[in-house]
Amino acid sequence: MAGSGSGPVNLNRYRKEKARAGKKVRADQNAVTFGRTKAEKELDKARNVQDVRRLENHKRDE
């Protein structure tokens, strides 16, 4: 049985490493999906306010 393996495998370590890798993948996906800088959020907010004002100014008086 010479050369049949590298020795015993710690299954707890393997399980924890696999769980960490899964969490890392999910964190990276969330960073892409939800991660925006403060400046980007403020710019979106300003554009929304501007759009609302523009619509209010173009309403017809009855």
Protein backbone atom coordinates (compact mmCIF):
# COMPACT_ATOMS: atom_id res chain seq x y z
CA MET A 1 0.00 0.00 0.00
CA ALA A 2 2.89 2.35 -0.59
CA GLY A 3 1.81 5.71 -2.02
CA SER A 4 -1.92 5.11 -1.50
CA GLY A 5 -2.68 8.52 0.02
CA SER A 6 -1.39 11.53 1.87
CA GLY A 7 -2.63 10.50 5.30
CA PRO A 8 -5.81 11.09 7.26
CA VAL A 9 -8.15 13.86 6.21
CA ASN A 10 -9.74 16.17 8.75
CA LEU A 11 -13.38 16.25 7.61
CA ASN A 12 -14.32 19.14 9.92
CA ARG A 13 -11.65 21.33 8.34
CA TYR A 14 -12.85 20.35 4.86
CA ARG A 15 -16.48 21.11 5.77
CA LYS A 16 -15.59 24.51 7.26
CA GLU A 17 -13.41 25.49 4.29
CA LYS A 18 -16.24 24.58 1.92
CA ALA A 19 -18.70 26.67 3.96
CA ARG A 20 -16.29 29.65 3.96
CA ALA A 21 -15.87 29.40 0.20
CA GLY A 22 -19.65 29.39 -0.25
CA LYS A 23 -20.05 32.45 1.96
CA LYS A 24 -17.30 34.25 0.04
CA VAL A 25 -19.06 33.60 -3.27
CA ARG A 26 -22.35 34.89 -1.86
CA ALA A 27 -20.66 37.97 -0.40
CA ASP A 28 -19.08 38.76 -3.76
CA GLN A 29 -22.45 38.43 -5.50
CA ASN A 30 -24.08 40.73 -2.94
CA ALA A 31 -21.31 43.28 -3.36
CA VAL A 32 -22.01 43.39 -7.08
CA THR A 33 -25.78 43.50 -6.63
CA PHE A 34 -26.15 45.90 -3.72
CA GLY A 35 -22.78 47.58 -3.42
CA ARG A 36 -22.98 51.20 -4.39
CA THR A 37 -20.93 54.07 -3.11
CA LYS A 38 -22.46 56.86 -1.08
CA ALA A 39 -21.94 59.24 -4.01
CA GLU A 40 -23.87 56.94 -6.34
CA LYS A 41 -26.76 56.71 -3.87
CA GLU A 42 -26.87 60.50 -3.46
CA LEU A 43 -26.78 60.99 -7.22
CA ASP A 44 -29.74 58.63 -7.69
CA LYS A 45 -31.65 60.41 -4.93
CA ALA A 46 -30.99 63.82 -6.51
CA ARG A 47 -32.10 62.57 -9.92
CA ASN A 48 -35.32 61.16 -8.44
CA VAL A 49 -36.10 64.47 -6.75
CA GLN A 50 -35.40 66.29 -10.01
CA ASP A 51 -37.70 63.94 -11.93
CA VAL A 52 -40.53 64.48 -9.42
CA ARG A 53 -40.14 68.27 -9.69
CA ARG A 54 -40.13 68.11 -13.47
CA LEU A 55 -43.37 66.09 -13.48
CA GLU A 56 -45.03 68.43 -10.98
CA ASN A 57 -44.14 71.44 -13.14
CA HIS A 58 -45.69 69.89 -16.23
CA LYS A 59 -49.07 69.05 -14.73
CA ARG A 60 -52.06 70.81 -16.17
CA ASP A 61 -54.13 73.18 -14.10
CA GLU A 62 -57.81 72.41 -14.08
